[in-house]
């Protein structure tokens, strides 16, 4: 996943919801800002992993991070399933 692909995803969300790309970015950024204020240390650790140099991540950066994390977990899970599966 790269920034270009993340932007395409945001454009698709905008198209499917009949709003502008800037409106989608604004709404997602608002959600990011609200979520980053959660005082839970585990939540803060996740946001710290997502952000660069302590900066608030952009919607594209969050999409990239989450896509890579999901992909990594799927690959790990599939290896476990393949290893433990017996015919």
PDB file of N, CA and C in Angstrom:
ATOM      1  N   UNK A   1       0.857  -1.176   0.000  1.00  0.00           N
ATOM      2  CA  UNK A   1       0.000   0.000   0.000  1.00  0.00           C
ATOM      3  C   UNK A   1       0.898   1.232   0.000  1.00  0.00           C
ATOM      4  N   UNK A   2       0.562   2.179  -0.845  1.00  0.00           N
ATOM      5  CA  UNK A   2       1.290   3.437  -0.874  1.00  0.00           C
ATOM      6  C   UNK A   2       0.306   4.604  -0.825  1.00  0.00           C
ATOM      7  N   UNK A   3       0.842   5.824  -0.776  1.00  0.00           N
ATOM      8  CA  UNK A   3      -0.014   7.002  -0.636  1.00  0.00           C
ATOM      9  C   UNK A   3      -0.972   7.147  -1.820  1.00  0.00           C
ATOM     10  N   UNK A   4      -0.505   6.831  -3.005  1.00  0.00           N
ATOM     11  CA  UNK A   4      -1.359   6.924  -4.189  1.00  0.00           C
ATOM     12  C   UNK A   4      -2.563   5.994  -4.076  1.00  0.00           C
ATOM     13  N   UNK A   5      -2.333   4.779  -3.634  1.00  0.00           N
ATOM     14  CA  UNK A   5      -3.425   3.805  -3.460  1.00  0.00           C
ATOM     15  C   UNK A   5      -4.378   4.264  -2.353  1.00  0.00           C
ATOM     16  N   UNK A   6      -3.839   4.808  -1.276  1.00  0.00           N
ATOM     17  CA  UNK A   6      -4.679   5.305  -0.187  1.00  0.00           C
ATOM     18  C   UNK A   6      -5.550   6.458  -0.666  1.00  0.00           C
ATOM     19  N   UNK A   7      -4.986   7.326  -1.499  1.00  0.00           N
ATOM     20  CA  UNK A   7      -5.757   8.443  -2.044  1.00  0.00           C
ATOM     21  C   UNK A   7      -6.867   7.926  -2.956  1.00  0.00           C
ATOM     22  N   UNK A   8      -6.579   6.889  -3.727  1.00  0.00           N
ATOM     23  CA  UNK A   8      -7.615   6.284  -4.578  1.00  0.00           C
ATOM     24  C   UNK A   8      -8.759   5.739  -3.727  1.00  0.00           C
ATOM     25  N   UNK A   9      -8.428   5.154  -2.604  1.00  0.00           N
ATOM     26  CA  UNK A   9      -9.455   4.632  -1.692  1.00  0.00           C
ATOM     27  C   UNK A   9     -10.319   5.781  -1.177  1.00  0.00           C
ATOM     28  N   UNK A  10      -9.678   6.874  -0.785  1.00  0.00           N
ATOM     29  CA  UNK A  10     -10.429   8.029  -0.308  1.00  0.00           C
ATOM     30  C   UNK A  10     -11.330   8.597  -1.408  1.00  0.00           C
ATOM     31  N   UNK A  11     -10.818   8.635  -2.636  1.00  0.00           N
ATOM     32  CA  UNK A  11     -11.637   9.108  -3.761  1.00  0.00           C
ATOM     33  C   UNK A  11     -12.853   8.206  -3.966  1.00  0.00           C
ATOM     34  N   UNK A  12     -12.655   6.910  -3.833  1.00  0.00           N
ATOM     35  CA  UNK A  12     -13.758   5.961  -3.992  1.00  0.00           C
ATOM     36  C   UNK A  12     -14.805   6.163  -2.905  1.00  0.00           C
ATOM     37  N   UNK A  13     -14.371   6.394  -1.685  1.00  0.00           N
ATOM     38  CA  UNK A  13     -15.299   6.662  -0.585  1.00  0.00           C
ATOM     39  C   UNK A  13     -16.097   7.926  -0.895  1.00  0.00           C
ATOM     40  N   UNK A  14     -15.419   8.955  -1.380  1.00  0.00           N
ATOM     41  CA  UNK A  14     -16.097  10.212  -1.726  1.00  0.00           C
ATOM     42  C   UNK A  14     -17.140   9.972  -2.812  1.00  0.00           C
ATOM     43  N   UNK A  15     -16.757   9.255  -3.845  1.00  0.00           N
ATOM     44  CA  UNK A  15     -17.656   8.962  -4.957  1.00  0.00           C
ATOM     45  C   UNK A  15     -18.881   8.181  -4.484  1.00  0.00           C
ATOM     46  N   UNK A  16     -18.657   7.153  -3.688  1.00  0.00           N
ATOM     47  CA  UNK A  16     -19.755   6.314  -3.208  1.00  0.00           C
ATOM     48  C   UNK A  16     -20.703   7.053  -2.265  1.00  0.00           C
ATOM     49  N   UNK A  17     -20.207   8.121  -1.642  1.00  0.00           N
ATOM     50  CA  UNK A  17     -21.029   8.868  -0.695  1.00  0.00           C
ATOM     51  C   UNK A  17     -21.490  10.227  -1.226  1.00  0.00           C
ATOM     52  N   UNK A  18     -21.139  10.509  -2.480  1.00  0.00           N
ATOM     53  CA  UNK A  18     -21.586  11.746  -3.104  1.00  0.00           C
ATOM     54  C   UNK A  18     -21.046  13.004  -2.458  1.00  0.00           C
ATOM     55  N   UNK A  19     -19.820  12.924  -1.965  1.00  0.00           N
ATOM     56  CA  UNK A  19     -19.183  14.090  -1.342  1.00  0.00           C
ATOM     57  C   UNK A  19     -17.817  14.302  -1.978  1.00  0.00           C
ATOM     58  N   UNK A  20     -17.194  15.421  -1.656  1.00  0.00           N
ATOM     59  CA  UNK A  20     -15.876  15.717  -2.209  1.00  0.00           C
ATOM     60  C   UNK A  20     -14.780  14.954  -1.472  1.00  0.00           C
ATOM     61  N   UNK A  21     -13.656  14.828  -2.144  1.00  0.00           N
ATOM     62  CA  UNK A  21     -12.487  14.204  -1.520  1.00  0.00           C
ATOM     63  C   UNK A  21     -12.080  14.991  -0.276  1.00  0.00           C
ATOM     64  N   UNK A  22     -12.129  16.305  -0.356  1.00  0.00           N
ATOM     65  CA  UNK A  22     -11.747  17.113   0.808  1.00  0.00           C
ATOM     66  C   UNK A  22     -12.695  16.883   1.987  1.00  0.00           C
ATOM     67  N   UNK A  23     -13.981  16.637   1.708  1.00  0.00           N
ATOM     68  CA  UNK A  23     -14.936  16.350   2.784  1.00  0.00           C
ATOM     69  C   UNK A  23     -14.597  15.011   3.448  1.00  0.00           C
ATOM     70  N   UNK A  24     -14.245  14.014   2.664  1.00  0.00           N
ATOM     71  CA  UNK A  24     -13.858  12.715   3.217  1.00  0.00           C
ATOM     72  C   UNK A  24     -12.619  12.873   4.088  1.00  0.00           C
ATOM     73  N   UNK A  25     -11.618  13.576   3.577  1.00  0.00           N
ATOM     74  CA  UNK A  25     -10.393  13.796   4.356  1.00  0.00           C
ATOM     75  C   UNK A  25     -10.707  14.533   5.663  1.00  0.00           C
ATOM     76  N   UNK A  26     -11.550  15.558   5.574  1.00  0.00           N
ATOM     77  CA  UNK A  26     -11.911  16.356   6.748  1.00  0.00           C
ATOM     78  C   UNK A  26     -12.587  15.485   7.804  1.00  0.00           C
ATOM     79  N   UNK A  27     -13.523  14.639   7.392  1.00  0.00           N
ATOM     80  CA  UNK A  27     -14.243  13.773   8.338  1.00  0.00           C
ATOM     81  C   UNK A  27     -13.310  12.740   8.969  1.00  0.00           C
ATOM     82  N   UNK A  28     -12.460  12.153   8.154  1.00  0.00           N
ATOM     83  CA  UNK A  28     -11.523  11.154   8.692  1.00  0.00           C
ATOM     84  C   UNK A  28     -10.516  11.822   9.618  1.00  0.00           C
ATOM     85  N   UNK A  29     -10.029  13.006   9.227  1.00  0.00           N
ATOM     86  CA  UNK A  29      -9.069  13.704  10.081  1.00  0.00           C
ATOM     87  C   UNK A  29      -9.709  14.075  11.411  1.00  0.00           C
ATOM     88  N   UNK A  30     -10.969  14.445  11.381  1.00  0.00           N
ATOM     89  CA  UNK A  30     -11.695  14.754  12.618  1.00  0.00           C
ATOM     90  C   UNK A  30     -11.774  13.523  13.522  1.00  0.00           C
ATOM     91  N   UNK A  31     -12.043  12.370  12.925  1.00  0.00           N
ATOM     92  CA  UNK A  31     -12.095  11.121  13.692  1.00  0.00           C
ATOM     93  C   UNK A  31     -10.716  10.771  14.256  1.00  0.00           C
ATOM     94  N   UNK A  32      -9.680  10.991  13.474  1.00  0.00           N
ATOM     95  CA  UNK A  32      -8.309  10.726  13.930  1.00  0.00           C
ATOM     96  C   UNK A  32      -7.989  11.629  15.128  1.00  0.00           C
ATOM     97  N   UNK A  33      -8.293  12.908  14.986  1.00  0.00           N
ATOM     98  CA  UNK A  33      -8.014  13.864  16.062  1.00  0.00           C
ATOM     99  C   UNK A  33      -8.730  13.461  17.352  1.00  0.00           C
ATOM    100  N   UNK A  34      -9.994  13.066  17.234  1.00  0.00           N
ATOM    101  CA  UNK A  34     -10.758  12.653  18.414  1.00  0.00           C
ATOM    102  C   UNK A  34     -10.185  11.381  19.016  1.00  0.00           C
ATOM    103  N   UNK A  35      -9.851  10.424  18.170  1.00  0.00           N
ATOM    104  CA  UNK A  35      -9.323   9.146  18.666  1.00  0.00           C
ATOM    105  C   UNK A  35      -7.963   9.315  19.329  1.00  0.00           C
ATOM    106  N   UNK A  36      -7.163  10.244  18.824  1.00  0.00           N
ATOM    107  CA  UNK A  36      -5.836  10.451  19.403  1.00  0.00           C
ATOM    108  C   UNK A  36      -5.892  11.065  20.796  1.00  0.00           C
ATOM    109  N   UNK A  37      -7.031  11.604  21.170  1.00  0.00           N
ATOM    110  CA  UNK A  37      -7.143  12.198  22.501  1.00  0.00           C
ATOM    111  C   UNK A  37      -7.517  11.168  23.571  1.00  0.00           C
ATOM    112  N   UNK A  38      -7.704   9.912  23.162  1.00  0.00           N
ATOM    113  CA  UNK A  38      -8.013   8.849  24.119  1.00  0.00           C
ATOM    114  C   UNK A  38      -6.806   8.660  25.051  1.00  0.00           C
ATOM    115  N   UNK A  39      -7.006   8.763  26.368  1.00  0.00           N
ATOM    116  CA  UNK A  39      -5.880   8.675  27.294  1.00  0.00           C
ATOM    117  C   UNK A  39      -5.372   7.256  27.561  1.00  0.00           C
ATOM    118  N   UNK A  40      -6.059   6.246  27.084  1.00  0.00           N
ATOM    119  CA  UNK A  40      -5.652   4.858  27.326  1.00  0.00           C
ATOM    120  C   UNK A  40      -4.232   4.642  26.785  1.00  0.00           C
ATOM    121  N   UNK A  41      -3.312   4.159  27.620  1.00  0.00           N
ATOM    122  CA  UNK A  41      -1.926   3.957  27.186  1.00  0.00           C
ATOM    123  C   UNK A  41      -1.792   3.017  25.982  1.00  0.00           C
ATOM    124  N   UNK A  42      -2.623   1.994  25.906  1.00  0.00           N
ATOM    125  CA  UNK A  42      -2.556   1.076  24.761  1.00  0.00           C
ATOM    126  C   UNK A  42      -2.966   1.780  23.476  1.00  0.00           C
ATOM    127  N   UNK A  43      -3.986   2.617  23.571  1.00  0.00           N
ATOM    128  CA  UNK A  43      -4.437   3.386  22.406  1.00  0.00           C
ATOM    129  C   UNK A  43      -3.356   4.380  21.998  1.00  0.00           C
ATOM    130  N   UNK A  44      -2.776   5.053  22.973  1.00  0.00           N
ATOM    131  CA  UNK A  44      -1.712   6.010  22.684  1.00  0.00           C
ATOM    132  C   UNK A  44      -0.509   5.324  22.030  1.00  0.00           C
ATOM    133  N   UNK A  45      -0.211   4.109  22.446  1.00  0.00           N
ATOM    134  CA  UNK A  45       0.902   3.361  21.843  1.00  0.00           C
ATOM    135  C   UNK A  45       0.625   3.076  20.375  1.00  0.00           C
ATOM    136  N   UNK A  46      -0.622   2.737  20.056  1.00  0.00           N
ATOM    137  CA  UNK A  46      -0.984   2.488  18.653  1.00  0.00           C
ATOM    138  C   UNK A  46      -0.830   3.753  17.816  1.00  0.00           C
ATOM    139  N   UNK A  47      -1.311   4.884  18.339  1.00  0.00           N
ATOM    140  CA  UNK A  47      -1.180   6.134  17.596  1.00  0.00           C
ATOM    141  C   UNK A  47       0.279   6.530  17.441  1.00  0.00           C
ATOM    142  N   UNK A  48       1.082   6.279  18.463  1.00  0.00           N
ATOM    143  CA  UNK A  48       2.502   6.603  18.375  1.00  0.00           C
ATOM    144  C   UNK A  48       3.168   5.777  17.273  1.00  0.00           C
ATOM    145  N   UNK A  49       2.764   4.521  17.145  1.00  0.00           N
ATOM    146  CA  UNK A  49       3.309   3.657  16.093  1.00  0.00           C
ATOM    147  C   UNK A  49       2.916   4.153  14.704  1.00  0.00           C
ATOM    148  N   UNK A  50       1.766   4.802  14.628  1.00  0.00           N
ATOM    149  CA  UNK A  50       1.249   5.283  13.348  1.00  0.00           C
ATOM    150  C   UNK A  50       1.836   6.611  12.917  1.00  0.00           C
ATOM    151  N   UNK A  51       2.224   7.423  13.878  1.00  0.00           N
ATOM    152  CA  UNK A  51       2.642   8.782  13.546  1.00  0.00           C
ATOM    153  C   UNK A  51       4.156   8.867  13.343  1.00  0.00           C
ATOM    154  N   UNK A  52       4.536   9.847  12.566  1.00  0.00           N
ATOM    155  CA  UNK A  52       5.960  10.080  12.295  1.00  0.00           C
ATOM    156  C   UNK A  52       6.403  11.315  13.070  1.00  0.00           C
ATOM    157  N   UNK A  53       7.431  11.169  13.864  1.00  0.00           N
ATOM    158  CA  UNK A  53       7.994  12.278  14.634  1.00  0.00           C
ATOM    159  C   UNK A  53       6.953  12.969  15.509  1.00  0.00           C
ATOM    160  N   UNK A  54       5.996  12.206  16.021  1.00  0.00           N
ATOM    161  CA  UNK A  54       4.990  12.768  16.902  1.00  0.00           C
ATOM    162  C   UNK A  54       3.909  13.580  16.214  1.00  0.00           C
ATOM    163  N   UNK A  55       3.927  13.606  14.893  1.00  0.00           N
ATOM    164  CA  UNK A  55       2.930  14.362  14.134  1.00  0.00           C
ATOM    165  C   UNK A  55       1.625  13.576  14.050  1.00  0.00           C
ATOM    166  N   UNK A  56       0.518  14.304  13.948  1.00  0.00           N
ATOM    167  CA  UNK A  56      -0.773  13.652  13.749  1.00  0.00           C
ATOM    168  C   UNK A  56      -0.784  13.060  12.341  1.00  0.00           C
ATOM    169  N   UNK A  57      -1.093  11.769  12.214  1.00  0.00           N
ATOM    170  CA  UNK A  57      -1.063  11.153  10.887  1.00  0.00           C
ATOM    171  C   UNK A  57      -2.211  11.647  10.004  1.00  0.00           C
ATOM    172  N   UNK A  58      -1.957  11.675   8.712  1.00  0.00           N
ATOM    173  CA  UNK A  58      -2.982  12.045   7.739  1.00  0.00           C
ATOM    174  C   UNK A  58      -3.915  10.854   7.523  1.00  0.00           C
ATOM    175  N   UNK A  59      -5.074  11.085   6.939  1.00  0.00           N
ATOM    176  CA  UNK A  59      -5.948   9.951   6.616  1.00  0.00           C
ATOM    177  C   UNK A  59      -5.239   8.886   5.772  1.00  0.00           C
ATOM    178  N   UNK A  60      -4.437   9.335   4.808  1.00  0.00           N
ATOM    179  CA  UNK A  60      -3.702   8.378   3.974  1.00  0.00           C
ATOM    180  C   UNK A  60      -2.720   7.565   4.792  1.00  0.00           C
ATOM    181  N   UNK A  61      -2.022   8.203   5.725  1.00  0.00           N
ATOM    182  CA  UNK A  61      -1.064   7.480   6.561  1.00  0.00           C
ATOM    183  C   UNK A  61      -1.765   6.450   7.441  1.00  0.00           C
ATOM    184  N   UNK A  62      -2.934   6.784   7.951  1.00  0.00           N
ATOM    185  CA  UNK A  62      -3.689   5.832   8.774  1.00  0.00           C
ATOM    186  C   UNK A  62      -4.133   4.650   7.922  1.00  0.00           C
ATOM    187  N   UNK A  63      -4.628   4.914   6.720  1.00  0.00           N
ATOM    188  CA  UNK A  63      -5.052   3.838   5.823  1.00  0.00           C
ATOM    189  C   UNK A  63      -3.879   2.925   5.504  1.00  0.00           C
ATOM    190  N   UNK A  64      -2.738   3.502   5.184  1.00  0.00           N
ATOM    191  CA  UNK A  64      -1.548   2.707   4.857  1.00  0.00           C
ATOM    192  C   UNK A  64      -1.140   1.854   6.055  1.00  0.00           C
ATOM    193  N   UNK A  65      -1.070   2.457   7.228  1.00  0.00           N
ATOM    194  CA  UNK A  65      -0.675   1.730   8.432  1.00  0.00           C
ATOM    195  C   UNK A  65      -1.625   0.569   8.706  1.00  0.00           C
ATOM    196  N   UNK A  66      -2.932   0.861   8.674  1.00  0.00           N
ATOM    197  CA  UNK A  66      -3.916  -0.183   8.978  1.00  0.00           C
ATOM    198  C   UNK A  66      -3.919  -1.291   7.928  1.00  0.00           C
ATOM    199  N   UNK A  67      -3.785  -0.930   6.658  1.00  0.00           N
ATOM    200  CA  UNK A  67      -3.743  -1.942   5.599  1.00  0.00           C
ATOM    201  C   UNK A  67      -2.535  -2.854   5.770  1.00  0.00           C
ATOM    202  N   UNK A  68      -1.396  -2.267   6.082  1.00  0.00           N
ATOM    203  CA  UNK A  68      -0.188  -3.073   6.284  1.00  0.00           C
ATOM    204  C   UNK A  68      -0.320  -3.963   7.517  1.00  0.00           C
ATOM    205  N   UNK A  69      -0.926  -3.426   8.572  1.00  0.00           N
ATOM    206  CA  UNK A  69      -1.117  -4.215   9.787  1.00  0.00           C
ATOM    207  C   UNK A  69      -2.071  -5.387   9.532  1.00  0.00           C
ATOM    208  N   UNK A  70      -3.160  -5.118   8.842  1.00  0.00           N
ATOM    209  CA  UNK A  70      -4.118  -6.178   8.514  1.00  0.00           C
ATOM    210  C   UNK A  70      -3.463  -7.228   7.636  1.00  0.00           C
ATOM    211  N   UNK A  71      -2.724  -6.782   6.632  1.00  0.00           N
ATOM    212  CA  UNK A  71      -2.046  -7.713   5.729  1.00  0.00           C
ATOM    213  C   UNK A  71      -1.056  -8.584   6.502  1.00  0.00           C
ATOM    214  N   UNK A  72      -0.318  -7.979   7.401  1.00  0.00           N
ATOM    215  CA  UNK A  72       0.653  -8.731   8.212  1.00  0.00           C
ATOM    216  C   UNK A  72      -0.062  -9.764   9.085  1.00  0.00           C
ATOM    217  N   UNK A  73      -1.176  -9.344   9.716  1.00  0.00           N
ATOM    218  CA  UNK A  73      -1.926 -10.255  10.574  1.00  0.00           C
ATOM    219  C   UNK A  73      -2.546 -11.392   9.764  1.00  0.00           C
ATOM    220  N   UNK A  74      -3.061 -11.077   8.571  1.00  0.00           N
ATOM    221  CA  UNK A  74      -3.637 -12.124   7.719  1.00  0.00           C
ATOM    222  C   UNK A  74      -2.573 -13.133   7.323  1.00  0.00           C
ATOM    223  N   UNK A  75      -1.386 -12.639   6.988  1.00  0.00           N
ATOM    224  CA  UNK A  75      -0.305 -13.545   6.609  1.00  0.00           C
ATOM    225  C   UNK A  75       0.122 -14.399   7.792  1.00  0.00           C
ATOM    226  N   UNK A  76       0.171 -13.815   8.969  1.00  0.00           N
ATOM    227  CA  UNK A  76       0.537 -14.561  10.169  1.00  0.00           C
ATOM    228  C   UNK A  76      -0.535 -15.591  10.499  1.00  0.00           C
ATOM    229  N   UNK A  77      -1.806 -15.161  10.450  1.00  0.00           N
ATOM    230  CA  UNK A  77      -2.911 -16.072  10.748  1.00  0.00           C
ATOM    231  C   UNK A  77      -2.965 -17.227   9.760  1.00  0.00           C
ATOM    232  N   UNK A  78      -2.744 -16.935   8.481  1.00  0.00           N
ATOM    233  CA  UNK A  78      -2.832 -18.005   7.490  1.00  0.00           C
ATOM    234  C   UNK A  78      -1.708 -19.019   7.695  1.00  0.00           C
ATOM    235  N   UNK A  79      -0.545 -18.556   8.140  1.00  0.00           N
ATOM    236  CA  UNK A  79       0.550 -19.477   8.410  1.00  0.00           C
ATOM    237  C   UNK A  79       0.191 -20.385   9.587  1.00  0.00           C
ATOM    238  N   UNK A  80      -0.434 -19.814  10.586  1.00  0.00           N
ATOM    239  CA  UNK A  80      -0.839 -20.612  11.747  1.00  0.00           C
ATOM    240  C   UNK A  80      -1.885 -21.644  11.320  1.00  0.00           C
ATOM    241  N   UNK A  81      -2.851 -21.218  10.544  1.00  0.00           N
ATOM    242  CA  UNK A  81      -3.900 -22.123  10.087  1.00  0.00           C
ATOM    243  C   UNK A  81      -3.313 -23.243   9.249  1.00  0.00           C
ATOM    244  N   UNK A  82      -2.409 -22.884   8.325  1.00  0.00           N
ATOM    245  CA  UNK A  82      -1.793 -23.905   7.477  1.00  0.00           C
ATOM    246  C   UNK A  82      -0.968 -24.875   8.326  1.00  0.00           C
ATOM    247  N   UNK A  83      -0.292 -24.369   9.333  1.00  0.00           N
ATOM    248  CA  UNK A  83       0.537 -25.217  10.161  1.00  0.00           C
ATOM    249  C   UNK A  83      -0.299 -26.170  10.999  1.00  0.00           C
ATOM    250  N   UNK A  84      -1.431 -25.687  11.526  1.00  0.00           N
ATOM    251  CA  UNK A  84      -2.211 -26.513  12.448  1.00  0.00           C
ATOM    252  C   UNK A  84      -3.295 -27.346  11.745  1.00  0.00           C
ATOM    253  N   UNK A  85      -3.519 -27.116  10.481  1.00  0.00           N
ATOM    254  CA  UNK A  85      -4.570 -27.830   9.765  1.00  0.00           C
ATOM    255  C   UNK A  85      -4.128 -29.254   9.439  1.00  0.00           C
ATOM    256  N   UNK A  86      -5.019 -30.194   9.683  1.00  0.00           N
ATOM    257  CA  UNK A  86      -4.706 -31.596   9.338  1.00  0.00           C
ATOM    258  C   UNK A  86      -5.859 -32.201   8.571  1.00  0.00           C
ATOM    259  N   UNK A  87      -5.539 -33.022   7.587  1.00  0.00           N
ATOM    260  CA  UNK A  87      -6.574 -33.740   6.817  1.00  0.00           C
ATOM    261  C   UNK A  87      -6.916 -35.044   7.465  1.00  0.00           C
TER     262      UNK A  87
END
